């Protein structure tokens, strides 16, 4: 599913996110959504979330 639409993302989902420091390389980090930080319904680079481990990044894939 698409990580660019806020309506697709719910707390508890497992997602692949790209962290701020990994944006140049595109390296993905797997995590479980705790909080949705982006307020707008869509975002071209992915919806920003906080994982249960406290990492903050933009959703690239919903697993």
PDB file of N, CA and C in Angstrom:
ATOM      1  N   UNK A   1       0.839  -1.197   0.000  1.00  0.00           N
ATOM      2  CA  UNK A   1       0.000   0.000   0.000  1.00  0.00           C
ATOM      3  C   UNK A   1       0.878   1.253   0.000  1.00  0.00           C
ATOM      4  N   UNK A   2       0.225   2.346  -0.284  1.00  0.00           N
ATOM      5  CA  UNK A   2       0.911   3.622  -0.459  1.00  0.00           C
ATOM      6  C   UNK A   2       1.120   4.337   0.878  1.00  0.00           C
ATOM      7  N   UNK A   3       2.359   4.722   1.160  1.00  0.00           N
ATOM      8  CA  UNK A   3       2.679   5.447   2.385  1.00  0.00           C
ATOM      9  C   UNK A   3       2.518   6.944   2.259  1.00  0.00           C
ATOM     10  N   UNK A   4       1.964   7.416   1.129  1.00  0.00           N
ATOM     11  CA  UNK A   4       1.800   8.850   0.904  1.00  0.00           C
ATOM     12  C   UNK A   4       0.419   9.353   1.339  1.00  0.00           C
ATOM     13  N   UNK A   5      -0.499   8.434   1.678  1.00  0.00           N
ATOM     14  CA  UNK A   5      -1.851   8.796   2.102  1.00  0.00           C
ATOM     15  C   UNK A   5      -2.010   8.520   3.591  1.00  0.00           C
ATOM     16  N   UNK A   6      -2.400   9.538   4.325  1.00  0.00           N
ATOM     17  CA  UNK A   6      -2.572   9.405   5.777  1.00  0.00           C
ATOM     18  C   UNK A   6      -3.661   8.391   6.119  1.00  0.00           C
ATOM     19  N   UNK A   7      -4.704   8.291   5.296  1.00  0.00           N
ATOM     20  CA  UNK A   7      -5.821   7.387   5.578  1.00  0.00           C
ATOM     21  C   UNK A   7      -5.414   5.912   5.541  1.00  0.00           C
ATOM     22  N   UNK A   8      -4.288   5.589   4.881  1.00  0.00           N
ATOM     23  CA  UNK A   8      -3.814   4.200   4.813  1.00  0.00           C
ATOM     24  C   UNK A   8      -3.044   3.782   6.058  1.00  0.00           C
ATOM     25  N   UNK A   9      -2.659   4.730   6.900  1.00  0.00           N
ATOM     26  CA  UNK A   9      -1.749   4.455   8.011  1.00  0.00           C
ATOM     27  C   UNK A   9      -2.496   4.550   9.342  1.00  0.00           C
ATOM     28  N   UNK A  10      -2.335   3.512  10.147  1.00  0.00           N
ATOM     29  CA  UNK A  10      -2.976   3.457  11.454  1.00  0.00           C
ATOM     30  C   UNK A  10      -1.942   2.999  12.482  1.00  0.00           C
ATOM     31  N   UNK A  11      -2.056   3.433  13.737  1.00  0.00           N
ATOM     32  CA  UNK A  11      -1.163   2.917  14.776  1.00  0.00           C
ATOM     33  C   UNK A  11      -1.266   1.388  14.864  1.00  0.00           C
ATOM     34  N   UNK A  12      -0.117   0.732  15.018  1.00  0.00           N
ATOM     35  CA  UNK A  12      -0.082  -0.726  15.100  1.00  0.00           C
ATOM     36  C   UNK A  12       0.329  -1.403  13.811  1.00  0.00           C
ATOM     37  N   UNK A  13       0.312  -0.661  12.684  1.00  0.00           N
ATOM     38  CA  UNK A  13       0.726  -1.245  11.405  1.00  0.00           C
ATOM     39  C   UNK A  13       2.244  -1.375  11.342  1.00  0.00           C
ATOM     40  N   UNK A  14       2.717  -2.433  10.685  1.00  0.00           N
ATOM     41  CA  UNK A  14       4.144  -2.594  10.430  1.00  0.00           C
ATOM     42  C   UNK A  14       4.466  -1.908   9.110  1.00  0.00           C
ATOM     43  N   UNK A  15       5.483  -1.047   9.134  1.00  0.00           N
ATOM     44  CA  UNK A  15       5.834  -0.244   7.956  1.00  0.00           C
ATOM     45  C   UNK A  15       7.345  -0.203   7.766  1.00  0.00           C
ATOM     46  N   UNK A  16       7.760   0.134   6.561  1.00  0.00           N
ATOM     47  CA  UNK A  16       9.155   0.473   6.275  1.00  0.00           C
ATOM     48  C   UNK A  16       9.218   1.989   6.153  1.00  0.00           C
ATOM     49  N   UNK A  17      10.112   2.600   6.946  1.00  0.00           N
ATOM     50  CA  UNK A  17      10.258   4.052   6.909  1.00  0.00           C
ATOM     51  C   UNK A  17      11.679   4.395   6.491  1.00  0.00           C
ATOM     52  N   UNK A  18      11.844   5.610   5.976  1.00  0.00           N
ATOM     53  CA  UNK A  18      13.182   6.136   5.712  1.00  0.00           C
ATOM     54  C   UNK A  18      13.438   7.220   6.754  1.00  0.00           C
ATOM     55  N   UNK A  19      14.501   7.045   7.533  1.00  0.00           N
ATOM     56  CA  UNK A  19      14.874   8.009   8.560  1.00  0.00           C
ATOM     57  C   UNK A  19      15.525   9.224   7.913  1.00  0.00           C
ATOM     58  N   UNK A  20      15.529  10.348   8.612  1.00  0.00           N
ATOM     59  CA  UNK A  20      16.104  11.594   8.088  1.00  0.00           C
ATOM     60  C   UNK A  20      17.555  11.386   7.627  1.00  0.00           C
ATOM     61  N   UNK A  21      18.345  10.693   8.443  1.00  0.00           N
ATOM     62  CA  UNK A  21      19.757  10.490   8.098  1.00  0.00           C
ATOM     63  C   UNK A  21      19.964   9.501   6.949  1.00  0.00           C
ATOM     64  N   UNK A  22      18.919   8.746   6.595  1.00  0.00           N
ATOM     65  CA  UNK A  22      19.015   7.770   5.505  1.00  0.00           C
ATOM     66  C   UNK A  22      18.360   8.247   4.212  1.00  0.00           C
ATOM     67  N   UNK A  23      17.909   9.500   4.168  1.00  0.00           N
ATOM     68  CA  UNK A  23      17.204   9.984   2.975  1.00  0.00           C
ATOM     69  C   UNK A  23      18.081   9.964   1.732  1.00  0.00           C
ATOM     70  N   UNK A  24      19.372  10.240   1.868  1.00  0.00           N
ATOM     71  CA  UNK A  24      20.273  10.232   0.703  1.00  0.00           C
ATOM     72  C   UNK A  24      20.470   8.822   0.158  1.00  0.00           C
ATOM     73  N   UNK A  25      20.598   7.842   1.062  1.00  0.00           N
ATOM     74  CA  UNK A  25      20.854   6.459   0.635  1.00  0.00           C
ATOM     75  C   UNK A  25      19.562   5.710   0.333  1.00  0.00           C
ATOM     76  N   UNK A  26      18.454   6.126   0.945  1.00  0.00           N
ATOM     77  CA  UNK A  26      17.180   5.447   0.735  1.00  0.00           C
ATOM     78  C   UNK A  26      17.038   4.179   1.563  1.00  0.00           C
ATOM     79  N   UNK A  27      17.927   3.986   2.556  1.00  0.00           N
ATOM     80  CA  UNK A  27      17.882   2.795   3.399  1.00  0.00           C
ATOM     81  C   UNK A  27      16.594   2.780   4.220  1.00  0.00           C
ATOM     82  N   UNK A  28      15.906   1.648   4.234  1.00  0.00           N
ATOM     83  CA  UNK A  28      14.625   1.531   4.929  1.00  0.00           C
ATOM     84  C   UNK A  28      14.813   0.883   6.294  1.00  0.00           C
ATOM     85  N   UNK A  29      13.975   1.299   7.235  1.00  0.00           N
ATOM     86  CA  UNK A  29      13.970   0.755   8.581  1.00  0.00           C
ATOM     87  C   UNK A  29      12.565   0.243   8.864  1.00  0.00           C
ATOM     88  N   UNK A  30      12.471  -0.979   9.358  1.00  0.00           N
ATOM     89  CA  UNK A  30      11.172  -1.577   9.663  1.00  0.00           C
ATOM     90  C   UNK A  30      10.747  -1.180  11.067  1.00  0.00           C
ATOM     91  N   UNK A  31       9.457  -0.890  11.240  1.00  0.00           N
ATOM     92  CA  UNK A  31       8.954  -0.526  12.557  1.00  0.00           C
ATOM     93  C   UNK A  31       7.442  -0.609  12.622  1.00  0.00           C
ATOM     94  N   UNK A  32       6.923  -0.449  13.831  1.00  0.00           N
ATOM     95  CA  UNK A  32       5.479  -0.466  14.076  1.00  0.00           C
ATOM     96  C   UNK A  32       5.050   0.951  14.421  1.00  0.00           C
ATOM     97  N   UNK A  33       4.027   1.457  13.737  1.00  0.00           N
ATOM     98  CA  UNK A  33       3.556   2.837  13.918  1.00  0.00           C
ATOM     99  C   UNK A  33       2.988   3.032  15.319  1.00  0.00           C
ATOM    100  N   UNK A  34       3.516   4.057  16.016  1.00  0.00           N
ATOM    101  CA  UNK A  34       2.966   4.452  17.316  1.00  0.00           C
ATOM    102  C   UNK A  34       2.129   5.716  17.151  1.00  0.00           C
ATOM    103  N   UNK A  35       2.702   6.753  16.504  1.00  0.00           N
ATOM    104  CA  UNK A  35       2.016   8.030  16.300  1.00  0.00           C
ATOM    105  C   UNK A  35       2.165   8.461  14.851  1.00  0.00           C
ATOM    106  N   UNK A  36       1.128   9.122  14.326  1.00  0.00           N
ATOM    107  CA  UNK A  36       1.181   9.729  12.999  1.00  0.00           C
ATOM    108  C   UNK A  36       1.462  11.219  13.221  1.00  0.00           C
ATOM    109  N   UNK A  37       2.555  11.710  12.652  1.00  0.00           N
ATOM    110  CA  UNK A  37       2.981  13.091  12.908  1.00  0.00           C
ATOM    111  C   UNK A  37       2.541  14.072  11.827  1.00  0.00           C
ATOM    112  N   UNK A  38       2.307  13.602  10.603  1.00  0.00           N
ATOM    113  CA  UNK A  38       1.864  14.474   9.515  1.00  0.00           C
ATOM    114  C   UNK A  38       0.365  14.736   9.665  1.00  0.00           C
ATOM    115  N   UNK A  39      -0.013  16.008   9.616  1.00  0.00           N
ATOM    116  CA  UNK A  39      -1.424  16.378   9.776  1.00  0.00           C
ATOM    117  C   UNK A  39      -2.195  16.393   8.451  1.00  0.00           C
ATOM    118  N   UNK A  40      -1.511  16.661   7.344  1.00  0.00           N
ATOM    119  CA  UNK A  40      -2.201  16.761   6.053  1.00  0.00           C
ATOM    120  C   UNK A  40      -2.602  15.365   5.556  1.00  0.00           C
ATOM    121  N   UNK A  41      -3.631  15.265   4.704  1.00  0.00           N
ATOM    122  CA  UNK A  41      -4.110  13.956   4.234  1.00  0.00           C
ATOM    123  C   UNK A  41      -3.126  13.220   3.322  1.00  0.00           C
ATOM    124  N   UNK A  42      -2.236  13.960   2.639  1.00  0.00           N
ATOM    125  CA  UNK A  42      -1.232  13.324   1.784  1.00  0.00           C
ATOM    126  C   UNK A  42       0.089  14.084   1.922  1.00  0.00           C
ATOM    127  N   UNK A  43       1.174  13.407   1.540  1.00  0.00           N
ATOM    128  CA  UNK A  43       2.483  14.058   1.497  1.00  0.00           C
ATOM    129  C   UNK A  43       3.302  13.371   0.409  1.00  0.00           C
ATOM    130  N   UNK A  44       3.942  14.138  -0.492  1.00  0.00           N
ATOM    131  CA  UNK A  44       4.655  13.530  -1.633  1.00  0.00           C
ATOM    132  C   UNK A  44       5.848  12.655  -1.241  1.00  0.00           C
ATOM    133  N   UNK A  45       6.428  12.880  -0.054  1.00  0.00           N
ATOM    134  CA  UNK A  45       7.593  12.088   0.368  1.00  0.00           C
ATOM    135  C   UNK A  45       7.225  10.999   1.360  1.00  0.00           C
ATOM    136  N   UNK A  46       5.956  10.882   1.708  1.00  0.00           N
ATOM    137  CA  UNK A  46       5.506   9.885   2.670  1.00  0.00           C
ATOM    138  C   UNK A  46       5.050  10.536   3.957  1.00  0.00           C
ATOM    139  N   UNK A  47       4.122   9.875   4.631  1.00  0.00           N
ATOM    140  CA  UNK A  47       3.579  10.387   5.889  1.00  0.00           C
ATOM    141  C   UNK A  47       4.608  10.161   6.996  1.00  0.00           C
ATOM    142  N   UNK A  48       4.855  11.188   7.800  1.00  0.00           N
ATOM    143  CA  UNK A  48       5.842  11.088   8.880  1.00  0.00           C
ATOM    144  C   UNK A  48       5.193  10.417  10.091  1.00  0.00           C
ATOM    145  N   UNK A  49       5.883   9.403  10.635  1.00  0.00           N
ATOM    146  CA  UNK A  49       5.381   8.663  11.788  1.00  0.00           C
ATOM    147  C   UNK A  49       6.489   8.482  12.827  1.00  0.00           C
ATOM    148  N   UNK A  50       6.068   8.150  14.052  1.00  0.00           N
ATOM    149  CA  UNK A  50       6.990   7.735  15.113  1.00  0.00           C
ATOM    150  C   UNK A  50       6.709   6.259  15.365  1.00  0.00           C
ATOM    151  N   UNK A  51       7.767   5.453  15.412  1.00  0.00           N
ATOM    152  CA  UNK A  51       7.609   4.020  15.663  1.00  0.00           C
ATOM    153  C   UNK A  51       7.627   3.741  17.161  1.00  0.00           C
ATOM    154  N   UNK A  52       7.319   2.499  17.522  1.00  0.00           N
ATOM    155  CA  UNK A  52       7.317   2.101  18.927  1.00  0.00           C
ATOM    156  C   UNK A  52       8.716   2.177  19.532  1.00  0.00           C
ATOM    157  N   UNK A  53       9.767   2.172  18.696  1.00  0.00           N
ATOM    158  CA  UNK A  53      11.137   2.313  19.181  1.00  0.00           C
ATOM    159  C   UNK A  53      11.571   3.774  19.270  1.00  0.00           C
ATOM    160  N   UNK A  54      10.672   4.715  18.932  1.00  0.00           N
ATOM    161  CA  UNK A  54      10.977   6.130  19.029  1.00  0.00           C
ATOM    162  C   UNK A  54      11.626   6.728  17.790  1.00  0.00           C
ATOM    163  N   UNK A  55      11.785   5.922  16.733  1.00  0.00           N
ATOM    164  CA  UNK A  55      12.374   6.448  15.479  1.00  0.00           C
ATOM    165  C   UNK A  55      11.318   7.242  14.737  1.00  0.00           C
ATOM    166  N   UNK A  56      11.745   8.329  14.095  1.00  0.00           N
ATOM    167  CA  UNK A  56      10.844   9.172  13.314  1.00  0.00           C
ATOM    168  C   UNK A  56      11.290   9.141  11.856  1.00  0.00           C
ATOM    169  N   UNK A  57      10.354   8.847  10.968  1.00  0.00           N
ATOM    170  CA  UNK A  57      10.676   8.810   9.547  1.00  0.00           C
ATOM    171  C   UNK A  57       9.426   8.821   8.707  1.00  0.00           C
ATOM    172  N   UNK A  58       9.634   8.827   7.395  1.00  0.00           N
ATOM    173  CA  UNK A  58       8.510   8.868   6.458  1.00  0.00           C
ATOM    174  C   UNK A  58       8.224   7.477   5.909  1.00  0.00           C
ATOM    175  N   UNK A  59       6.941   7.123   5.882  1.00  0.00           N
ATOM    176  CA  UNK A  59       6.519   5.792   5.451  1.00  0.00           C
ATOM    177  C   UNK A  59       6.753   5.636   3.955  1.00  0.00           C
ATOM    178  N   UNK A  60       7.470   4.585   3.581  1.00  0.00           N
ATOM    179  CA  UNK A  60       7.697   4.252   2.180  1.00  0.00           C
ATOM    180  C   UNK A  60       6.836   3.065   1.754  1.00  0.00           C
ATOM    181  N   UNK A  61       6.663   2.107   2.643  1.00  0.00           N
ATOM    182  CA  UNK A  61       5.858   0.909   2.345  1.00  0.00           C
ATOM    183  C   UNK A  61       5.082   0.504   3.576  1.00  0.00           C
ATOM    184  N   UNK A  62       3.861   0.009   3.344  1.00  0.00           N
ATOM    185  CA  UNK A  62       3.073  -0.596   4.418  1.00  0.00           C
ATOM    186  C   UNK A  62       3.151  -2.099   4.208  1.00  0.00           C
ATOM    187  N   UNK A  63       3.593  -2.808   5.221  1.00  0.00           N
ATOM    188  CA  UNK A  63       3.800  -4.259   5.104  1.00  0.00           C
ATOM    189  C   UNK A  63       2.552  -5.011   5.539  1.00  0.00           C
TER     190      UNK A  63
END
